[in-house]
Amino acid sequence: MKSIAILVLVVLAVVQLAMVARGAITCGQVDANLAPCVPFLTQGGEPGAACCSGVKTLNGNAQSSDDRKTACNCVKAAANRYPNLKDDAAQSLPSKCGISVNVPISRTVNCDT
């Protein structure tokens, strides 16, 4: 009986780890995906291939409402670390990379709505 209880606990732990690994987006992931975009966001011009690849990856990973809220808050926090970030470049980034997002990209966007 004791071994069955241990087996059940192990199975539950594995399932929980799989859910966490698969579902939750982190600010570290957001930062890593958007890091190649910093030159475009601060200097303008055109975003590079690595930047657009990161934007597309981030958009693909943030599928649930919770993930999108987390990503939004992470993007806002990252934007505030760059005082020379060009707001017009940030707003145009998704379209320049060929994707659409449902929220405006802004330092002041309400990520909870």
PDB file of N, CA and C in Angstrom:
ATOM      1  N   MET A   1       0.820  -1.193   0.000  1.00  0.00           N
ATOM      2  CA  MET A   1       0.000   0.000   0.000  1.00  0.00           C
ATOM      3  C   MET A   1       0.867   1.261   0.000  1.00  0.00           C
ATOM      4  N   LYS A   2       1.958   1.215   0.767  1.00  0.00           N
ATOM      5  CA  LYS A   2       2.856   2.355   0.848  1.00  0.00           C
ATOM      6  C   LYS A   2       3.498   2.639  -0.516  1.00  0.00           C
ATOM      7  N   SER A   3       3.846   1.597  -1.250  1.00  0.00           N
ATOM      8  CA  SER A   3       4.476   1.786  -2.554  1.00  0.00           C
ATOM      9  C   SER A   3       3.496   2.382  -3.566  1.00  0.00           C
ATOM     10  N   ILE A   4       2.212   2.072  -3.435  1.00  0.00           N
ATOM     11  CA  ILE A   4       1.211   2.651  -4.333  1.00  0.00           C
ATOM     12  C   ILE A   4       1.081   4.146  -4.067  1.00  0.00           C
ATOM     13  N   ALA A   5       1.097   4.544  -2.811  1.00  0.00           N
ATOM     14  CA  ALA A   5       1.006   5.965  -2.471  1.00  0.00           C
ATOM     15  C   ALA A   5       2.220   6.722  -3.007  1.00  0.00           C
ATOM     16  N   ILE A   6       3.387   6.141  -2.910  1.00  0.00           N
ATOM     17  CA  ILE A   6       4.608   6.770  -3.421  1.00  0.00           C
ATOM     18  C   ILE A   6       4.526   6.885  -4.942  1.00  0.00           C
ATOM     19  N   LEU A   7       4.053   5.847  -5.602  1.00  0.00           N
ATOM     20  CA  LEU A   7       3.915   5.860  -7.054  1.00  0.00           C
ATOM     21  C   LEU A   7       2.950   6.962  -7.490  1.00  0.00           C
ATOM     22  N   VAL A   8       1.841   7.099  -6.785  1.00  0.00           N
ATOM     23  CA  VAL A   8       0.865   8.141  -7.113  1.00  0.00           C
ATOM     24  C   VAL A   8       1.504   9.526  -6.957  1.00  0.00           C
ATOM     25  N   LEU A   9       2.254   9.738  -5.890  1.00  0.00           N
ATOM     26  CA  LEU A   9       2.918  11.022  -5.675  1.00  0.00           C
ATOM     27  C   LEU A   9       3.934  11.323  -6.778  1.00  0.00           C
ATOM     28  N   VAL A  10       4.675  10.322  -7.192  1.00  0.00           N
ATOM     29  CA  VAL A  10       5.655  10.503  -8.259  1.00  0.00           C
ATOM     30  C   VAL A  10       4.951  10.872  -9.570  1.00  0.00           C
ATOM     31  N   VAL A  11       3.879  10.177  -9.896  1.00  0.00           N
ATOM     32  CA  VAL A  11       3.129  10.470 -11.118  1.00  0.00           C
ATOM     33  C   VAL A  11       2.573  11.892 -11.071  1.00  0.00           C
ATOM     34  N   LEU A  12       2.012  12.294  -9.939  1.00  0.00           N
ATOM     35  CA  LEU A  12       1.484  13.650  -9.809  1.00  0.00           C
ATOM     36  C   LEU A  12       2.586  14.691  -9.966  1.00  0.00           C
ATOM     37  N   ALA A  13       3.752  14.433  -9.402  1.00  0.00           N
ATOM     38  CA  ALA A  13       4.874  15.360  -9.527  1.00  0.00           C
ATOM     39  C   ALA A  13       5.326  15.493 -10.979  1.00  0.00           C
ATOM     40  N   VAL A  14       5.393  14.390 -11.689  1.00  0.00           N
ATOM     41  CA  VAL A  14       5.801  14.417 -13.101  1.00  0.00           C
ATOM     42  C   VAL A  14       4.780  15.190 -13.933  1.00  0.00           C
ATOM     43  N   VAL A  15       3.503  14.966 -13.694  1.00  0.00           N
ATOM     44  CA  VAL A  15       2.452  15.675 -14.424  1.00  0.00           C
ATOM     45  C   VAL A  15       2.544  17.170 -14.138  1.00  0.00           C
ATOM     46  N   GLN A  16       2.739  17.555 -12.895  1.00  0.00           N
ATOM     47  CA  GLN A  16       2.852  18.968 -12.535  1.00  0.00           C
ATOM     48  C   GLN A  16       4.052  19.613 -13.223  1.00  0.00           C
ATOM     49  N   LEU A  17       5.181  18.940 -13.228  1.00  0.00           N
ATOM     50  CA  LEU A  17       6.368  19.471 -13.890  1.00  0.00           C
ATOM     51  C   LEU A  17       6.144  19.628 -15.386  1.00  0.00           C
ATOM     52  N   ALA A  18       5.480  18.696 -15.991  1.00  0.00           N
ATOM     53  CA  ALA A  18       5.207  18.781 -17.427  1.00  0.00           C
ATOM     54  C   ALA A  18       4.297  19.961 -17.727  1.00  0.00           C
ATOM     55  N   MET A  19       3.307  20.205 -16.885  1.00  0.00           N
ATOM     56  CA  MET A  19       2.402  21.325 -17.091  1.00  0.00           C
ATOM     57  C   MET A  19       3.128  22.654 -16.944  1.00  0.00           C
ATOM     58  N   VAL A  20       3.985  22.788 -15.950  1.00  0.00           N
ATOM     59  CA  VAL A  20       4.724  24.021 -15.731  1.00  0.00           C
ATOM     60  C   VAL A  20       5.685  24.264 -16.884  1.00  0.00           C
ATOM     61  N   ALA A  21       6.394  23.244 -17.317  1.00  0.00           N
ATOM     62  CA  ALA A  21       7.377  23.393 -18.386  1.00  0.00           C
ATOM     63  C   ALA A  21       6.702  23.770 -19.700  1.00  0.00           C
ATOM     64  N   ARG A  22       5.498  23.309 -19.901  1.00  0.00           N
ATOM     65  CA  ARG A  22       4.830  23.514 -21.173  1.00  0.00           C
ATOM     66  C   ARG A  22       4.052  24.816 -21.210  1.00  0.00           C
ATOM     67  N   GLY A  23       3.513  25.284 -20.083  1.00  0.00           N
ATOM     68  CA  GLY A  23       2.540  26.341 -20.141  1.00  0.00           C
ATOM     69  C   GLY A  23       2.949  27.726 -19.717  1.00  0.00           C
ATOM     70  N   ALA A  24       3.836  27.873 -18.798  1.00  0.00           N
ATOM     71  CA  ALA A  24       4.086  29.192 -18.221  1.00  0.00           C
ATOM     72  C   ALA A  24       5.215  29.909 -18.948  1.00  0.00           C
ATOM     73  N   ILE A  25       4.913  31.112 -19.390  1.00  0.00           N
ATOM     74  CA  ILE A  25       5.929  31.943 -20.029  1.00  0.00           C
ATOM     75  C   ILE A  25       6.588  32.792 -18.943  1.00  0.00           C
ATOM     76  N   THR A  26       7.864  33.076 -19.096  1.00  0.00           N
ATOM     77  CA  THR A  26       8.595  33.848 -18.092  1.00  0.00           C
ATOM     78  C   THR A  26       9.168  35.116 -18.711  1.00  0.00           C
ATOM     79  N   CYS A  27       9.504  36.072 -17.853  1.00  0.00           N
ATOM     80  CA  CYS A  27      10.135  37.297 -18.342  1.00  0.00           C
ATOM     81  C   CYS A  27      11.503  36.988 -18.944  1.00  0.00           C
ATOM     82  N   GLY A  28      12.171  35.968 -18.442  1.00  0.00           N
ATOM     83  CA  GLY A  28      13.450  35.570 -19.026  1.00  0.00           C
ATOM     84  C   GLY A  28      13.284  35.144 -20.478  1.00  0.00           C
ATOM     85  N   GLN A  29      12.217  34.409 -20.767  1.00  0.00           N
ATOM     86  CA  GLN A  29      11.944  33.996 -22.150  1.00  0.00           C
ATOM     87  C   GLN A  29      11.602  35.204 -23.018  1.00  0.00           C
ATOM     88  N   VAL A  30      10.804  36.106 -22.472  1.00  0.00           N
ATOM     89  CA  VAL A  30      10.428  37.309 -23.212  1.00  0.00           C
ATOM     90  C   VAL A  30      11.679  38.124 -23.534  1.00  0.00           C
ATOM     91  N   ASP A  31      12.511  38.352 -22.517  1.00  0.00           N
ATOM     92  CA  ASP A  31      13.737  39.132 -22.718  1.00  0.00           C
ATOM     93  C   ASP A  31      14.656  38.479 -23.749  1.00  0.00           C
ATOM     94  N   ALA A  32      14.819  37.166 -23.653  1.00  0.00           N
ATOM     95  CA  ALA A  32      15.704  36.460 -24.586  1.00  0.00           C
ATOM     96  C   ALA A  32      15.182  36.556 -26.017  1.00  0.00           C
ATOM     97  N   ASN A  33      13.860  36.456 -26.196  1.00  0.00           N
ATOM     98  CA  ASN A  33      13.282  36.524 -27.537  1.00  0.00           C
ATOM     99  C   ASN A  33      13.361  37.926 -28.131  1.00  0.00           C
ATOM    100  N   LEU A  34      13.290  38.938 -27.275  1.00  0.00           N
ATOM    101  CA  LEU A  34      13.284  40.306 -27.777  1.00  0.00           C
ATOM    102  C   LEU A  34      14.661  40.965 -27.775  1.00  0.00           C
ATOM    103  N   ALA A  35      15.649  40.347 -27.174  1.00  0.00           N
ATOM    104  CA  ALA A  35      16.991  40.943 -27.113  1.00  0.00           C
ATOM    105  C   ALA A  35      17.532  41.324 -28.496  1.00  0.00           C
ATOM    106  N   PRO A  36      17.351  40.500 -29.534  1.00  0.00           N
ATOM    107  CA  PRO A  36      17.861  40.900 -30.852  1.00  0.00           C
ATOM    108  C   PRO A  36      17.153  42.133 -31.432  1.00  0.00           C
ATOM    109  N   CYS A  37      16.062  42.558 -30.818  1.00  0.00           N
ATOM    110  CA  CYS A  37      15.292  43.700 -31.327  1.00  0.00           C
ATOM    111  C   CYS A  37      15.757  45.034 -30.742  1.00  0.00           C
ATOM    112  N   VAL A  38      16.613  45.008 -29.742  1.00  0.00           N
ATOM    113  CA  VAL A  38      17.024  46.242 -29.072  1.00  0.00           C
ATOM    114  C   VAL A  38      17.603  47.267 -30.051  1.00  0.00           C
ATOM    115  N   PRO A  39      18.497  46.891 -30.972  1.00  0.00           N
ATOM    116  CA  PRO A  39      18.998  47.907 -31.908  1.00  0.00           C
ATOM    117  C   PRO A  39      17.875  48.575 -32.717  1.00  0.00           C
ATOM    118  N   PHE A  40      16.940  47.795 -33.208  1.00  0.00           N
ATOM    119  CA  PHE A  40      15.810  48.362 -33.955  1.00  0.00           C
ATOM    120  C   PHE A  40      14.977  49.265 -33.059  1.00  0.00           C
ATOM    121  N   LEU A  41      14.702  48.820 -31.837  1.00  0.00           N
ATOM    122  CA  LEU A  41      13.821  49.565 -30.942  1.00  0.00           C
ATOM    123  C   LEU A  41      14.453  50.851 -30.427  1.00  0.00           C
ATOM    124  N   THR A  42      15.762  50.927 -30.404  1.00  0.00           N
ATOM    125  CA  THR A  42      16.424  52.126 -29.895  1.00  0.00           C
ATOM    126  C   THR A  42      16.981  53.020 -30.997  1.00  0.00           C
ATOM    127  N   GLN A  43      17.238  52.446 -32.188  1.00  0.00           N
ATOM    128  CA  GLN A  43      17.853  53.225 -33.255  1.00  0.00           C
ATOM    129  C   GLN A  43      16.961  53.374 -34.487  1.00  0.00           C
ATOM    130  N   GLY A  44      15.969  52.505 -34.618  1.00  0.00           N
ATOM    131  CA  GLY A  44      15.106  52.547 -35.784  1.00  0.00           C
ATOM    132  C   GLY A  44      15.663  51.702 -36.912  1.00  0.00           C
ATOM    133  N   GLY A  45      15.221  51.975 -38.109  1.00  0.00           N
ATOM    134  CA  GLY A  45      15.646  51.187 -39.265  1.00  0.00           C
ATOM    135  C   GLY A  45      14.695  50.043 -39.500  1.00  0.00           C
ATOM    136  N   GLU A  46      15.248  48.874 -39.772  1.00  0.00           N
ATOM    137  CA  GLU A  46      14.450  47.667 -39.993  1.00  0.00           C
ATOM    138  C   GLU A  46      14.877  46.591 -38.996  1.00  0.00           C
ATOM    139  N   PRO A  47      13.923  45.830 -38.482  1.00  0.00           N
ATOM    140  CA  PRO A  47      14.298  44.743 -37.571  1.00  0.00           C
ATOM    141  C   PRO A  47      14.998  43.627 -38.336  1.00  0.00           C
ATOM    142  N   GLY A  48      15.989  43.030 -37.723  1.00  0.00           N
ATOM    143  CA  GLY A  48      16.705  41.930 -38.360  1.00  0.00           C
ATOM    144  C   GLY A  48      15.941  40.622 -38.287  1.00  0.00           C
ATOM    145  N   ALA A  49      16.448  39.629 -38.979  1.00  0.00           N
ATOM    146  CA  ALA A  49      15.806  38.309 -39.012  1.00  0.00           C
ATOM    147  C   ALA A  49      15.728  37.686 -37.621  1.00  0.00           C
ATOM    148  N   ALA A  50      16.789  37.842 -36.824  1.00  0.00           N
ATOM    149  CA  ALA A  50      16.790  37.263 -35.470  1.00  0.00           C
ATOM    150  C   ALA A  50      15.733  37.931 -34.601  1.00  0.00           C
ATOM    151  N   CYS A  51      15.567  39.234 -34.783  1.00  0.00           N
ATOM    152  CA  CYS A  51      14.541  39.962 -34.042  1.00  0.00           C
ATOM    153  C   CYS A  51      13.158  39.421 -34.390  1.00  0.00           C
ATOM    154  N   CYS A  52      12.855  39.344 -35.669  1.00  0.00           N
ATOM    155  CA  CYS A  52      11.535  38.861 -36.096  1.00  0.00           C
ATOM    156  C   CYS A  52      11.299  37.409 -35.694  1.00  0.00           C
ATOM    157  N   SER A  53      12.345  36.617 -35.725  1.00  0.00           N
ATOM    158  CA  SER A  53      12.215  35.233 -35.274  1.00  0.00           C
ATOM    159  C   SER A  53      11.828  35.198 -33.798  1.00  0.00           C
ATOM    160  N   GLY A  54      12.453  36.044 -32.993  1.00  0.00           N
ATOM    161  CA  GLY A  54      12.123  36.113 -31.566  1.00  0.00           C
ATOM    162  C   GLY A  54      10.709  36.601 -31.330  1.00  0.00           C
ATOM    163  N   VAL A  55      10.278  37.601 -32.093  1.00  0.00           N
ATOM    164  CA  VAL A  55       8.911  38.124 -31.965  1.00  0.00           C
ATOM    165  C   VAL A  55       7.902  37.032 -32.311  1.00  0.00           C
ATOM    166  N   LYS A  56       8.164  36.296 -33.379  1.00  0.00           N
ATOM    167  CA  LYS A  56       7.248  35.225 -33.789  1.00  0.00           C
ATOM    168  C   LYS A  56       7.229  34.089 -32.765  1.00  0.00           C
ATOM    169  N   THR A  57       8.397  33.770 -32.219  1.00  0.00           N
ATOM    170  CA  THR A  57       8.456  32.727 -31.186  1.00  0.00           C
ATOM    171  C   THR A  57       7.673  33.156 -29.960  1.00  0.00           C
ATOM    172  N   LEU A  58       7.885  34.380 -29.533  1.00  0.00           N
ATOM    173  CA  LEU A  58       7.169  34.901 -28.369  1.00  0.00           C
ATOM    174  C   LEU A  58       5.668  34.890 -28.610  1.00  0.00           C
ATOM    175  N   ASN A  59       5.241  35.333 -29.765  1.00  0.00           N
ATOM    176  CA  ASN A  59       3.815  35.344 -30.094  1.00  0.00           C
ATOM    177  C   ASN A  59       3.245  33.921 -30.094  1.00  0.00           C
ATOM    178  N   GLY A  60       4.001  32.976 -30.611  1.00  0.00           N
ATOM    179  CA  GLY A  60       3.545  31.586 -30.634  1.00  0.00           C
ATOM    180  C   GLY A  60       3.491  30.954 -29.257  1.00  0.00           C
ATOM    181  N   ASN A  61       4.403  31.355 -28.374  1.00  0.00           N
ATOM    182  CA  ASN A  61       4.444  30.777 -27.029  1.00  0.00           C
ATOM    183  C   ASN A  61       3.394  31.369 -26.102  1.00  0.00           C
ATOM    184  N   ALA A  62       2.945  32.560 -26.381  1.00  0.00           N
ATOM    185  CA  ALA A  62       1.985  33.244 -25.511  1.00  0.00           C
ATOM    186  C   ALA A  62       0.579  33.034 -26.050  1.00  0.00           C
ATOM    187  N   GLN A  63       0.061  31.846 -25.911  1.00  0.00           N
ATOM    188  CA  GLN A  63      -1.249  31.517 -26.473  1.00  0.00           C
ATOM    189  C   GLN A  63      -2.398  31.709 -25.487  1.00  0.00           C
ATOM    190  N   SER A  64      -2.168  31.400 -24.230  1.00  0.00           N
ATOM    191  CA  SER A  64      -3.261  31.531 -23.262  1.00  0.00           C
ATOM    192  C   SER A  64      -3.374  32.982 -22.795  1.00  0.00           C
ATOM    193  N   SER A  65      -4.507  33.305 -22.233  1.00  0.00           N
ATOM    194  CA  SER A  65      -4.733  34.653 -21.712  1.00  0.00           C
ATOM    195  C   SER A  65      -3.703  34.992 -20.630  1.00  0.00           C
ATOM    196  N   ASP A  66      -3.429  34.040 -19.754  1.00  0.00           N
ATOM    197  CA  ASP A  66      -2.443  34.275 -18.687  1.00  0.00           C
ATOM    198  C   ASP A  66      -1.052  34.502 -19.259  1.00  0.00           C
ATOM    199  N   ASP A  67      -0.684  33.720 -20.266  1.00  0.00           N
ATOM    200  CA  ASP A  67       0.625  33.895 -20.889  1.00  0.00           C
ATOM    201  C   ASP A  67       0.730  35.251 -21.577  1.00  0.00           C
ATOM    202  N   ARG A  68      -0.337  35.682 -22.218  1.00  0.00           N
ATOM    203  CA  ARG A  68      -0.324  36.987 -22.889  1.00  0.00           C
ATOM    204  C   ARG A  68      -0.206  38.126 -21.875  1.00  0.00           C
ATOM    205  N   LYS A  69      -0.902  38.003 -20.754  1.00  0.00           N
ATOM    206  CA  LYS A  69      -0.790  39.028 -19.707  1.00  0.00           C
ATOM    207  C   LYS A  69       0.631  39.066 -19.153  1.00  0.00           C
ATOM    208  N   THR A  70       1.193  37.898 -18.908  1.00  0.00           N
ATOM    209  CA  THR A  70       2.564  37.836 -18.407  1.00  0.00           C
ATOM    210  C   THR A  70       3.524  38.450 -19.415  1.00  0.00           C
ATOM    211  N   ALA A  71       3.401  38.057 -20.669  1.00  0.00           N
ATOM    212  CA  ALA A  71       4.281  38.596 -21.706  1.00  0.00           C
ATOM    213  C   ALA A  71       4.128  40.110 -21.809  1.00  0.00           C
ATOM    214  N   CYS A  72       2.913  40.605 -21.754  1.00  0.00           N
ATOM    215  CA  CYS A  72       2.653  42.036 -21.815  1.00  0.00           C
ATOM    216  C   CYS A  72       3.376  42.766 -20.689  1.00  0.00           C
ATOM    217  N   ASN A  73       3.233  42.262 -19.470  1.00  0.00           N
ATOM    218  CA  ASN A  73       3.896  42.892 -18.325  1.00  0.00           C
ATOM    219  C   ASN A  73       5.411  42.818 -18.439  1.00  0.00           C
ATOM    220  N   CYS A  74       5.921  41.721 -18.964  1.00  0.00           N
ATOM    221  CA  CYS A  74       7.367  41.584 -19.158  1.00  0.00           C
ATOM    222  C   CYS A  74       7.880  42.564 -20.201  1.00  0.00           C
ATOM    223  N   VAL A  75       7.123  42.728 -21.281  1.00  0.00           N
ATOM    224  CA  VAL A  75       7.508  43.674 -22.331  1.00  0.00           C
ATOM    225  C   VAL A  75       7.510  45.095 -21.773  1.00  0.00           C
ATOM    226  N   LYS A  76       6.490  45.442 -20.981  1.00  0.00           N
ATOM    227  CA  LYS A  76       6.445  46.768 -20.365  1.00  0.00           C
ATOM    228  C   LYS A  76       7.647  46.999 -19.465  1.00  0.00           C
ATOM    229  N   ALA A  77       7.975  46.003 -18.651  1.00  0.00           N
ATOM    230  CA  ALA A  77       9.123  46.127 -17.748  1.00  0.00           C
ATOM    231  C   ALA A  77      10.416  46.290 -18.538  1.00  0.00           C
ATOM    232  N   ALA A  78      10.554  45.525 -19.604  1.00  0.00           N
ATOM    233  CA  ALA A  78      11.755  45.618 -20.440  1.00  0.00           C
ATOM    234  C   ALA A  78      11.831  46.986 -21.105  1.00  0.00           C
ATOM    235  N   ALA A  79      10.714  47.475 -21.602  1.00  0.00           N
ATOM    236  CA  ALA A  79      10.692  48.781 -22.273  1.00  0.00           C
ATOM    237  C   ALA A  79      11.122  49.891 -21.327  1.00  0.00           C
ATOM    238  N   ASN A  80      10.733  49.778 -20.079  1.00  0.00           N
ATOM    239  CA  ASN A  80      11.086  50.812 -19.107  1.00  0.00           C
ATOM    240  C   ASN A  80      12.560  50.782 -18.729  1.00  0.00           C
ATOM    241  N   ARG A  81      13.266  49.713 -19.066  1.00  0.00           N
ATOM    242  CA  ARG A  81      14.710  49.650 -18.824  1.00  0.00           C
ATOM    243  C   ARG A  81      15.493  50.376 -19.907  1.00  0.00           C
ATOM    244  N   TYR A  82      14.825  50.736 -20.999  1.00  0.00           N
ATOM    245  CA  TYR A  82      15.479  51.420 -22.118  1.00  0.00           C
ATOM    246  C   TYR A  82      14.853  52.800 -22.316  1.00  0.00           C
ATOM    247  N   PRO A  83      15.420  53.821 -21.668  1.00  0.00           N
ATOM    248  CA  PRO A  83      14.816  55.154 -21.795  1.00  0.00           C
ATOM    249  C   PRO A  83      14.860  55.698 -23.221  1.00  0.00           C
ATOM    250  N   ASN A  84      15.777  55.191 -24.047  1.00  0.00           N
ATOM    251  CA  ASN A  84      15.886  55.685 -25.416  1.00  0.00           C
ATOM    252  C   ASN A  84      15.093  54.841 -26.411  1.00  0.00           C
ATOM    253  N   LEU A  85      14.195  54.002 -25.913  1.00  0.00           N
ATOM    254  CA  LEU A  85      13.356  53.187 -26.776  1.00  0.00           C
ATOM    255  C   LEU A  85      12.423  54.081 -27.585  1.00  0.00           C
ATOM    256  N   LYS A  86      12.345  53.837 -28.860  1.00  0.00           N
ATOM    257  CA  LYS A  86      11.484  54.621 -29.748  1.00  0.00           C
ATOM    258  C   LYS A  86      10.096  53.977 -29.765  1.00  0.00           C
ATOM    259  N   ASP A  87       9.121  54.725 -29.253  1.00  0.00           N
ATOM    260  CA  ASP A  87       7.759  54.188 -29.164  1.00  0.00           C
ATOM    261  C   ASP A  87       7.198  53.807 -30.530  1.00  0.00           C
ATOM    262  N   ASP A  88       7.492  54.601 -31.552  1.00  0.00           N
ATOM    263  CA  ASP A  88       6.965  54.280 -32.882  1.00  0.00           C
ATOM    264  C   ASP A  88       7.581  52.994 -33.425  1.00  0.00           C
ATOM    265  N   ALA A  89       8.851  52.746 -33.101  1.00  0.00           N
ATOM    266  CA  ALA A  89       9.487  51.489 -33.529  1.00  0.00           C
ATOM    267  C   ALA A  89       8.834  50.307 -32.821  1.00  0.00           C
ATOM    268  N   ALA A  90       8.563  50.456 -31.524  1.00  0.00           N
ATOM    269  CA  ALA A  90       7.924  49.377 -30.760  1.00  0.00           C
ATOM    270  C   ALA A  90       6.535  49.074 -31.314  1.00  0.00           C
ATOM    271  N   GLN A  91       5.783  50.116 -31.636  1.00  0.00           N
ATOM    272  CA  GLN A  91       4.433  49.916 -32.153  1.00  0.00           C
ATOM    273  C   GLN A  91       4.433  49.273 -33.534  1.00  0.00           C
ATOM    274  N   SER A  92       5.466  49.537 -34.321  1.00  0.00           N
ATOM    275  CA  SER A  92       5.508  48.986 -35.679  1.00  0.00           C
ATOM    276  C   SER A  92       6.164  47.605 -35.754  1.00  0.00           C
ATOM    277  N   LEU A  93       6.789  47.161 -34.664  1.00  0.00           N
ATOM    278  CA  LEU A  93       7.542  45.907 -34.695  1.00  0.00           C
ATOM    279  C   LEU A  93       6.713  44.703 -35.145  1.00  0.00           C
ATOM    280  N   PRO A  94       5.542  44.451 -34.572  1.00  0.00           N
ATOM    281  CA  PRO A  94       4.790  43.266 -35.022  1.00  0.00           C
ATOM    282  C   PRO A  94       4.505  43.280 -36.523  1.00  0.00           C
ATOM    283  N   SER A  95       4.035  44.410 -37.036  1.00  0.00           N
ATOM    284  CA  SER A  95       3.705  44.440 -38.467  1.00  0.00           C
ATOM    285  C   SER A  95       4.959  44.322 -39.328  1.00  0.00           C
ATOM    286  N   LYS A  96       6.065  44.895 -38.903  1.00  0.00           N
ATOM    287  CA  LYS A  96       7.307  44.771 -39.669  1.00  0.00           C
ATOM    288  C   LYS A  96       7.798  43.327 -39.691  1.00  0.00           C
ATOM    289  N   CYS A  97       7.399  42.554 -38.676  1.00  0.00           N
ATOM    290  CA  CYS A  97       7.783  41.140 -38.615  1.00  0.00           C
ATOM    291  C   CYS A  97       6.692  40.226 -39.172  1.00  0.00           C
ATOM    292  N   GLY A  98       5.627  40.823 -39.688  1.00  0.00           N
ATOM    293  CA  GLY A  98       4.594  40.036 -40.348  1.00  0.00           C
ATOM    294  C   GLY A  98       3.614  39.335 -39.435  1.00  0.00           C
ATOM    295  N   ILE A  99       3.415  39.865 -38.229  1.00  0.00           N
ATOM    296  CA  ILE A  99       2.426  39.271 -37.332  1.00  0.00           C
ATOM    297  C   ILE A  99       1.503  40.370 -36.816  1.00  0.00           C
ATOM    298  N   SER A 100       0.385  39.963 -36.240  1.00  0.00           N
ATOM    299  CA  SER A 100      -0.497  40.930 -35.592  1.00  0.00           C
ATOM    300  C   SER A 100      -0.685  40.508 -34.147  1.00  0.00           C
ATOM    301  N   VAL A 101      -0.797  41.484 -33.284  1.00  0.00           N
ATOM    302  CA  VAL A 101      -1.051  41.232 -31.871  1.00  0.00           C
ATOM    303  C   VAL A 101      -2.315  41.975 -31.481  1.00  0.00           C
ATOM    304  N   ASN A 102      -2.975  41.483 -30.444  1.00  0.00           N
ATOM    305  CA  ASN A 102      -4.271  42.036 -30.063  1.00  0.00           C
ATOM    306  C   ASN A 102      -4.182  43.224 -29.120  1.00  0.00           C
ATOM    307  N   VAL A 103      -2.981  43.587 -28.704  1.00  0.00           N
ATOM    308  CA  VAL A 103      -2.833  44.723 -27.791  1.00  0.00           C
ATOM    309  C   VAL A 103      -1.872  45.730 -28.405  1.00  0.00           C
ATOM    310  N   PRO A 104      -2.120  47.002 -28.171  1.00  0.00           N
ATOM    311  CA  PRO A 104      -1.159  47.986 -28.650  1.00  0.00           C
ATOM    312  C   PRO A 104       0.141  47.865 -27.854  1.00  0.00           C
ATOM    313  N   ILE A 105       1.254  48.041 -28.518  1.00  0.00           N
ATOM    314  CA  ILE A 105       2.530  47.974 -27.821  1.00  0.00           C
ATOM    315  C   ILE A 105       2.852  49.374 -27.333  1.00  0.00           C
ATOM    316  N   SER A 106       2.852  49.504 -26.018  1.00  0.00           N
ATOM    317  CA  SER A 106       3.030  50.808 -25.396  1.00  0.00           C
ATOM    318  C   SER A 106       3.547  50.597 -23.976  1.00  0.00           C
ATOM    319  N   ARG A 107       4.291  51.559 -23.487  1.00  0.00           N
ATOM    320  CA  ARG A 107       4.778  51.498 -22.100  1.00  0.00           C
ATOM    321  C   ARG A 107       3.630  51.631 -21.113  1.00  0.00           C
ATOM    322  N   THR A 108       2.500  52.160 -21.561  1.00  0.00           N
ATOM    323  CA  THR A 108       1.392  52.450 -20.656  1.00  0.00           C
ATOM    324  C   THR A 108       0.168  51.542 -20.845  1.00  0.00           C
ATOM    325  N   VAL A 109       0.280  50.542 -21.703  1.00  0.00           N
ATOM    326  CA  VAL A 109      -0.864  49.659 -21.948  1.00  0.00           C
ATOM    327  C   VAL A 109      -1.251  48.933 -20.655  1.00  0.00           C
ATOM    328  N   ASN A 110      -2.539  48.747 -20.455  1.00  0.00           N
ATOM    329  CA  ASN A 110      -3.045  48.006 -19.291  1.00  0.00           C
ATOM    330  C   ASN A 110      -3.059  46.533 -19.656  1.00  0.00           C
ATOM    331  N   CYS A 111      -2.137  45.774 -19.132  1.00  0.00           N
ATOM    332  CA  CYS A 111      -2.008  44.352 -19.472  1.00  0.00           C
ATOM    333  C   CYS A 111      -3.105  43.484 -18.867  1.00  0.00           C
ATOM    334  N   ASP A 112      -3.883  44.048 -17.965  1.00  0.00           N
ATOM    335  CA  ASP A 112      -4.935  43.253 -17.322  1.00  0.00           C
ATOM    336  C   ASP A 112      -6.241  43.251 -18.117  1.00  0.00           C
ATOM    337  N   THR A 113      -6.295  44.063 -19.182  1.00  0.00           N
ATOM    338  CA  THR A 113      -7.551  44.107 -19.953  1.00  0.00           C
ATOM    339  C   THR A 113      -7.432  43.313 -21.233  1.00  0.00           C
TER     340      THR A 113
END
